[in-house]
Amino acid sequence: MEKNKFNINSVITIKRCLEFLNFIPEDIMKRNVAYNLQYLDFLNEVYKSYTIDRSVEKSFIKNQIMILGSLLECFTFSLLSSFSSNIDFGKGWKEKGLLKKYITLNDQKRVKTVIEELSERELKKRSDFSWMIDIAKKNKIFGKEYASVAHFVREHRNKVHLTSMEELEYEYFTPEKLKEAQGCVKKFLEQLSGKTKEEIKNTFLFL
């Protein structure tokens, strides 16, 4: 069966995405975000081009929420990194310019809390998205309402683990949940990209 070739020219370029991501300090992370933004644009183009069965449409929604949740986590990490020297990380912290986190160790007899200084590479492996949202809220980087929605997006993204699902995916992943995730990512880009809301609206059509 001969395949029809998708017109890739209709999808946003990586170069164009990168123009909106100067607030992400690490080059590899920035490029990975750009690839994911491009893929979201591709999914949007496919969705507009075909009539899709409702059950498959829900998988489309799920896929987008997973990606948007990951982008939101990355944006939050980048924001906390840039503000790290001025952030209150809670009782017992001694801030020296790097993000730090309480690590809890349980040896079945006692729970011992220690402070570890983490490099950004270690932080990416250990930091908890929920913790980052709460720290951003505590330091008034996120407003109460935005933090609440960010937590919802985080919870939706965690449904990638099928064992955590207590309802049918078909019923869980709704256009409303997708809109929440899109709104969070869009707000980040509006606040940090240095671009106008009009530019963002006209560039990232899937938001």
C-alpha atoms as a PDB file:
ATOM      1  CA  MET A   1       0.000   0.000   0.000  1.00  0.00           C
ATOM      2  CA  GLU A   2       1.458   3.330  -1.046  1.00  0.00           C
ATOM      3  CA  LYS A   3       1.650   5.937   1.692  1.00  0.00           C
ATOM      4  CA  ASN A   4       0.655   9.558   1.215  1.00  0.00           C
ATOM      5  CA  LYS A   5       3.472  11.931   2.097  1.00  0.00           C
ATOM      6  CA  PHE A   6       2.672  14.415   4.860  1.00  0.00           C
ATOM      7  CA  ASN A   7       3.467  18.023   3.979  1.00  0.00           C
ATOM      8  CA  ILE A   8       6.095  18.790   6.617  1.00  0.00           C
ATOM      9  CA  ASN A   9       6.258  22.404   5.409  1.00  0.00           C
ATOM     10  CA  SER A  10       3.032  23.049   7.305  1.00  0.00           C
ATOM     11  CA  VAL A  11       4.720  22.208  10.633  1.00  0.00           C
ATOM     12  CA  ILE A  12       6.676  24.754  12.687  1.00  0.00           C
ATOM     13  CA  THR A  13      10.474  24.515  12.382  1.00  0.00           C
ATOM     14  CA  ILE A  14      12.857  23.708  15.236  1.00  0.00           C
ATOM     15  CA  LYS A  15      14.667  26.977  14.533  1.00  0.00           C
ATOM     16  CA  ARG A  16      11.454  28.949  15.019  1.00  0.00           C
ATOM     17  CA  CYS A  17      10.647  27.120  18.273  1.00  0.00           C
ATOM     18  CA  LEU A  18      14.108  27.914  19.657  1.00  0.00           C
ATOM     19  CA  GLU A  19      13.427  31.640  19.265  1.00  0.00           C
ATOM     20  CA  PHE A  20      10.896  31.346  22.107  1.00  0.00           C
ATOM     21  CA  LEU A  21      13.061  29.312  24.509  1.00  0.00           C
ATOM     22  CA  ASN A  22      15.883  31.615  25.619  1.00  0.00           C
ATOM     23  CA  PHE A  23      14.728  31.261  29.239  1.00  0.00           C
ATOM     24  CA  ILE A  24      15.975  27.633  29.210  1.00  0.00           C
ATOM     25  CA  PRO A  25      19.697  27.784  30.059  1.00  0.00           C
ATOM     26  CA  GLU A  26      20.828  24.334  28.919  1.00  0.00           C
ATOM     27  CA  ASP A  27      21.200  23.802  25.169  1.00  0.00           C
ATOM     28  CA  ILE A  28      20.249  20.113  25.052  1.00  0.00           C
ATOM     29  CA  MET A  29      17.163  20.712  27.181  1.00  0.00           C
ATOM     30  CA  LYS A  30      16.211  23.677  25.010  1.00  0.00           C
ATOM     31  CA  ARG A  31      16.471  21.643  21.804  1.00  0.00           C
ATOM     32  CA  ASN A  32      14.503  18.754  23.299  1.00  0.00           C
ATOM     33  CA  VAL A  33      11.731  21.196  24.191  1.00  0.00           C
ATOM     34  CA  ALA A  34      11.794  22.532  20.626  1.00  0.00           C
ATOM     35  CA  TYR A  35      11.426  19.005  19.206  1.00  0.00           C
ATOM     36  CA  ASN A  36       8.407  18.405  21.443  1.00  0.00           C
ATOM     37  CA  LEU A  37       6.807  21.708  20.456  1.00  0.00           C
ATOM     38  CA  GLN A  38       7.279  20.754  16.812  1.00  0.00           C
ATOM     39  CA  TYR A  39       5.689  17.358  17.452  1.00  0.00           C
ATOM     40  CA  LEU A  40       2.676  18.990  19.101  1.00  0.00           C
ATOM     41  CA  ASP A  41       2.285  21.148  16.006  1.00  0.00           C
ATOM     42  CA  PHE A  42       2.488  18.010  13.854  1.00  0.00           C
ATOM     43  CA  LEU A  43      -0.227  16.319  15.917  1.00  0.00           C
ATOM     44  CA  ASN A  44      -2.401  19.388  15.508  1.00  0.00           C
ATOM     45  CA  GLU A  45      -1.935  19.306  11.726  1.00  0.00           C
ATOM     46  CA  VAL A  46      -2.812  15.605  11.584  1.00  0.00           C
ATOM     47  CA  TYR A  47      -5.891  16.207  13.723  1.00  0.00           C
ATOM     48  CA  LYS A  48      -7.061  18.972  11.375  1.00  0.00           C
ATOM     49  CA  SER A  49      -6.403  16.856   8.274  1.00  0.00           C
ATOM     50  CA  TYR A  50      -8.302  13.680   9.176  1.00  0.00           C
ATOM     51  CA  THR A  51     -11.605  12.599  10.624  1.00  0.00           C
ATOM     52  CA  ILE A  52     -10.575  10.522  13.618  1.00  0.00           C
ATOM     53  CA  ASP A  53     -12.558   7.916  15.540  1.00  0.00           C
ATOM     54  CA  ARG A  54     -13.483   9.146  19.042  1.00  0.00           C
ATOM     55  CA  SER A  55     -11.511   6.453  20.862  1.00  0.00           C
ATOM     56  CA  VAL A  56      -8.400   7.297  18.837  1.00  0.00           C
ATOM     57  CA  GLU A  57      -9.085  10.995  19.410  1.00  0.00           C
ATOM     58  CA  LYS A  58      -8.835  10.406  23.171  1.00  0.00           C
ATOM     59  CA  SER A  59      -5.401   8.855  22.621  1.00  0.00           C
ATOM     60  CA  PHE A  60      -4.470  11.982  20.687  1.00  0.00           C
ATOM     61  CA  ILE A  61      -5.540  14.052  23.683  1.00  0.00           C
ATOM     62  CA  LYS A  62      -3.636  11.796  26.097  1.00  0.00           C
ATOM     63  CA  ASN A  63      -0.462  12.024  24.014  1.00  0.00           C
ATOM     64  CA  GLN A  64      -0.608  15.819  23.952  1.00  0.00           C
ATOM     65  CA  ILE A  65      -1.236  16.062  27.704  1.00  0.00           C
ATOM     66  CA  MET A  66       1.794  13.835  28.390  1.00  0.00           C
ATOM     67  CA  ILE A  67       4.016  16.089  26.274  1.00  0.00           C
ATOM     68  CA  LEU A  68       2.591  19.340  27.656  1.00  0.00           C
ATOM     69  CA  GLY A  69       3.055  18.057  31.215  1.00  0.00           C
ATOM     70  CA  SER A  70       6.689  17.239  30.477  1.00  0.00           C
ATOM     71  CA  LEU A  71       7.207  20.698  28.967  1.00  0.00           C
ATOM     72  CA  LEU A  72       5.650  22.300  32.034  1.00  0.00           C
ATOM     73  CA  GLU A  73       7.991  20.358  34.311  1.00  0.00           C
ATOM     74  CA  CYS A  74      10.992  21.438  32.236  1.00  0.00           C
ATOM     75  CA  PHE A  75       9.873  25.094  32.248  1.00  0.00           C
ATOM     76  CA  THR A  76       9.394  24.991  36.026  1.00  0.00           C
ATOM     77  CA  PHE A  77      12.845  23.477  36.509  1.00  0.00           C
ATOM     78  CA  SER A  78      14.426  26.173  34.307  1.00  0.00           C
ATOM     79  CA  LEU A  79      12.600  28.930  36.165  1.00  0.00           C
ATOM     80  CA  LEU A  80      13.649  27.658  39.596  1.00  0.00           C
ATOM     81  CA  SER A  81      17.226  27.293  38.374  1.00  0.00           C
ATOM     82  CA  SER A  82      17.336  30.911  37.242  1.00  0.00           C
ATOM     83  CA  PHE A  83      15.910  32.135  40.578  1.00  0.00           C
ATOM     84  CA  SER A  84      17.766  29.641  42.782  1.00  0.00           C
ATOM     85  CA  SER A  85      19.948  32.153  44.650  1.00  0.00           C
ATOM     86  CA  ASN A  86      16.833  34.038  45.825  1.00  0.00           C
ATOM     87  CA  ILE A  87      14.536  31.131  46.646  1.00  0.00           C
ATOM     88  CA  ASP A  88      13.541  29.953  50.108  1.00  0.00           C
ATOM     89  CA  PHE A  89      13.713  26.163  49.936  1.00  0.00           C
ATOM     90  CA  GLY A  90      12.417  25.665  53.446  1.00  0.00           C
ATOM     91  CA  LYS A  91      13.735  25.098  56.964  1.00  0.00           C
ATOM     92  CA  GLY A  92      17.255  23.738  57.169  1.00  0.00           C
ATOM     93  CA  TRP A  93      18.371  24.881  53.748  1.00  0.00           C
ATOM     94  CA  LYS A  94      21.627  26.730  53.126  1.00  0.00           C
ATOM     95  CA  GLU A  95      21.344  28.125  49.631  1.00  0.00           C
ATOM     96  CA  LYS A  96      24.624  28.517  47.723  1.00  0.00           C
ATOM     97  CA  GLY A  97      23.340  29.100  44.216  1.00  0.00           C
ATOM     98  CA  LEU A  98      22.431  25.468  43.449  1.00  0.00           C
ATOM     99  CA  LEU A  99      19.023  23.938  43.974  1.00  0.00           C
ATOM    100  CA  LYS A 100      18.927  21.572  46.917  1.00  0.00           C
ATOM    101  CA  LYS A 101      16.341  19.111  48.116  1.00  0.00           C
ATOM    102  CA  TYR A 102      15.641  17.059  51.218  1.00  0.00           C
ATOM    103  CA  ILE A 103      16.344  13.424  50.560  1.00  0.00           C
ATOM    104  CA  THR A 104      14.506  10.972  52.814  1.00  0.00           C
ATOM    105  CA  LEU A 105      16.236   7.681  53.591  1.00  0.00           C
ATOM    106  CA  ASN A 106      14.260   4.872  55.269  1.00  0.00           C
ATOM    107  CA  ASP A 107      16.116   1.881  56.730  1.00  0.00           C
ATOM    108  CA  GLN A 108      12.881   0.327  58.124  1.00  0.00           C
ATOM    109  CA  LYS A 109      13.821   1.405  61.665  1.00  0.00           C
ATOM    110  CA  ARG A 110      13.939   5.157  61.284  1.00  0.00           C
ATOM    111  CA  VAL A 111      13.529   7.932  58.756  1.00  0.00           C
ATOM    112  CA  LYS A 112      16.545  10.144  58.450  1.00  0.00           C
ATOM    113  CA  THR A 113      16.373  13.453  56.604  1.00  0.00           C
ATOM    114  CA  VAL A 114      19.592  14.800  55.166  1.00  0.00           C
ATOM    115  CA  ILE A 115      20.507  17.714  52.916  1.00  0.00           C
ATOM    116  CA  GLU A 116      22.429  17.048  49.757  1.00  0.00           C
ATOM    117  CA  GLU A 117      23.910  19.624  47.451  1.00  0.00           C
ATOM    118  CA  LEU A 118      22.827  18.634  43.998  1.00  0.00           C
ATOM    119  CA  SER A 119      24.309  19.558  40.672  1.00  0.00           C
ATOM    120  CA  GLU A 120      21.782  20.432  37.955  1.00  0.00           C
ATOM    121  CA  ARG A 121      22.405  17.012  36.391  1.00  0.00           C
ATOM    122  CA  GLU A 122      21.608  15.269  39.684  1.00  0.00           C
ATOM    123  CA  LEU A 123      18.637  17.551  40.248  1.00  0.00           C
ATOM    124  CA  LYS A 124      17.051  16.488  36.976  1.00  0.00           C
ATOM    125  CA  LYS A 125      17.207  12.870  38.139  1.00  0.00           C
ATOM    126  CA  ARG A 126      15.919  13.456  41.667  1.00  0.00           C
ATOM    127  CA  SER A 127      13.634  16.479  41.747  1.00  0.00           C
ATOM    128  CA  ASP A 128       9.948  15.860  42.138  1.00  0.00           C
ATOM    129  CA  PHE A 129       7.600  17.860  39.919  1.00  0.00           C
ATOM    130  CA  SER A 130       5.103  18.297  42.749  1.00  0.00           C
ATOM    131  CA  TRP A 131       7.865  19.647  44.994  1.00  0.00           C
ATOM    132  CA  MET A 132       8.975  22.130  42.331  1.00  0.00           C
ATOM    133  CA  ILE A 133       5.427  23.462  41.901  1.00  0.00           C
ATOM    134  CA  ASP A 134       5.060  23.875  45.677  1.00  0.00           C
ATOM    135  CA  ILE A 135       8.410  25.692  45.951  1.00  0.00           C
ATOM    136  CA  ALA A 136       7.421  28.015  43.106  1.00  0.00           C
ATOM    137  CA  LYS A 137       4.103  28.721  44.862  1.00  0.00           C
ATOM    138  CA  LYS A 138       5.768  29.280  48.245  1.00  0.00           C
ATOM    139  CA  ASN A 139       8.114  31.852  46.721  1.00  0.00           C
ATOM    140  CA  LYS A 140       5.254  33.543  44.837  1.00  0.00           C
ATOM    141  CA  ILE A 141       6.739  32.626  41.449  1.00  0.00           C
ATOM    142  CA  PHE A 142       3.477  30.777  40.772  1.00  0.00           C
ATOM    143  CA  GLY A 143       0.179  32.247  41.891  1.00  0.00           C
ATOM    144  CA  LYS A 144      -2.181  30.032  43.905  1.00  0.00           C
ATOM    145  CA  GLU A 145      -4.508  29.413  40.953  1.00  0.00           C
ATOM    146  CA  TYR A 146      -1.680  28.661  38.498  1.00  0.00           C
ATOM    147  CA  ALA A 147      -0.033  26.266  40.968  1.00  0.00           C
ATOM    148  CA  SER A 148      -3.339  24.459  41.402  1.00  0.00           C
ATOM    149  CA  VAL A 149      -3.784  23.998  37.646  1.00  0.00           C
ATOM    150  CA  ALA A 150      -0.124  22.943  37.297  1.00  0.00           C
ATOM    151  CA  HIS A 151      -0.762  20.199  39.865  1.00  0.00           C
ATOM    152  CA  PHE A 152      -3.781  19.031  37.865  1.00  0.00           C
ATOM    153  CA  VAL A 153      -1.658  18.848  34.711  1.00  0.00           C
ATOM    154  CA  ARG A 154       0.993  16.913  36.646  1.00  0.00           C
ATOM    155  CA  GLU A 155      -1.647  14.440  37.823  1.00  0.00           C
ATOM    156  CA  HIS A 156      -2.992  14.032  34.273  1.00  0.00           C
ATOM    157  CA  ARG A 157       0.522  13.405  32.959  1.00  0.00           C
ATOM    158  CA  ASN A 158       1.128  10.754  35.619  1.00  0.00           C
ATOM    159  CA  LYS A 159      -1.745   8.754  34.145  1.00  0.00           C
ATOM    160  CA  VAL A 160       0.807   7.513  31.607  1.00  0.00           C
ATOM    161  CA  HIS A 161       1.185   4.738  34.217  1.00  0.00           C
ATOM    162  CA  LEU A 162      -1.718   2.478  33.361  1.00  0.00           C
ATOM    163  CA  THR A 163      -1.567   0.853  36.778  1.00  0.00           C
ATOM    164  CA  SER A 164      -2.587   4.196  38.340  1.00  0.00           C
ATOM    165  CA  MET A 165      -5.750   4.482  36.269  1.00  0.00           C
ATOM    166  CA  GLU A 166      -8.969   3.949  38.198  1.00  0.00           C
ATOM    167  CA  GLU A 167     -11.168   4.880  35.267  1.00  0.00           C
ATOM    168  CA  LEU A 168     -11.268   4.258  31.543  1.00  0.00           C
ATOM    169  CA  GLU A 169      -8.797   6.346  29.558  1.00  0.00           C
ATOM    170  CA  TYR A 170     -11.594   6.969  27.088  1.00  0.00           C
ATOM    171  CA  GLU A 171     -13.533   8.785  29.815  1.00  0.00           C
ATOM    172  CA  TYR A 172     -10.600  10.413  31.609  1.00  0.00           C
ATOM    173  CA  PHE A 173      -8.748  12.274  28.851  1.00  0.00           C
ATOM    174  CA  THR A 174     -11.117  15.063  27.870  1.00  0.00           C
ATOM    175  CA  PRO A 175     -10.707  18.214  25.757  1.00  0.00           C
ATOM    176  CA  GLU A 176     -11.101  20.217  28.997  1.00  0.00           C
ATOM    177  CA  LYS A 177      -8.016  18.559  30.531  1.00  0.00           C
ATOM    178  CA  LEU A 178      -6.069  19.212  27.345  1.00  0.00           C
ATOM    179  CA  LYS A 179      -7.101  22.865  27.453  1.00  0.00           C
ATOM    180  CA  GLU A 180      -5.771  23.139  31.036  1.00  0.00           C
ATOM    181  CA  ALA A 181      -2.389  21.778  29.977  1.00  0.00           C
ATOM    182  CA  GLN A 182      -2.247  24.020  26.907  1.00  0.00           C
ATOM    183  CA  GLY A 183      -3.108  27.050  29.027  1.00  0.00           C
ATOM    184  CA  CYS A 184      -0.266  26.360  31.483  1.00  0.00           C
ATOM    185  CA  VAL A 185       2.361  26.049  28.758  1.00  0.00           C
ATOM    186  CA  LYS A 186       1.007  29.070  26.911  1.00  0.00           C
ATOM    187  CA  LYS A 187       1.179  31.190  30.091  1.00  0.00           C
ATOM    188  CA  PHE A 188       4.815  30.215  30.588  1.00  0.00           C
ATOM    189  CA  LEU A 189       5.717  31.221  27.037  1.00  0.00           C
ATOM    190  CA  GLU A 190       3.835  34.503  27.390  1.00  0.00           C
ATOM    191  CA  GLN A 191       5.705  35.364  30.588  1.00  0.00           C
ATOM    192  CA  LEU A 192       9.220  34.173  29.739  1.00  0.00           C
ATOM    193  CA  SER A 193       9.803  33.968  25.987  1.00  0.00           C
ATOM    194  CA  GLY A 194      10.148  37.713  25.489  1.00  0.00           C
ATOM    195  CA  LYS A 195       7.610  37.477  22.658  1.00  0.00           C
ATOM    196  CA  THR A 196       4.193  39.111  22.431  1.00  0.00           C
ATOM    197  CA  LYS A 197       0.999  37.172  23.119  1.00  0.00           C
ATOM    198  CA  GLU A 198       0.068  37.732  19.465  1.00  0.00           C
ATOM    199  CA  GLU A 199       3.323  36.157  18.261  1.00  0.00           C
ATOM    200  CA  ILE A 200       2.775  33.134  20.479  1.00  0.00           C
ATOM    201  CA  LYS A 201      -0.825  32.782  19.357  1.00  0.00           C
ATOM    202  CA  ASN A 202       0.129  32.960  15.677  1.00  0.00           C
ATOM    203  CA  THR A 203       3.156  30.639  16.023  1.00  0.00           C
ATOM    204  CA  PHE A 204       1.931  27.862  18.296  1.00  0.00           C
ATOM    205  CA  LEU A 205      -1.502  27.215  16.832  1.00  0.00           C
ATOM    206  CA  PHE A 206      -1.949  24.084  18.984  1.00  0.00           C
ATOM    207  CA  LEU A 207      -2.030  26.276  22.125  1.00  0.00           C
END
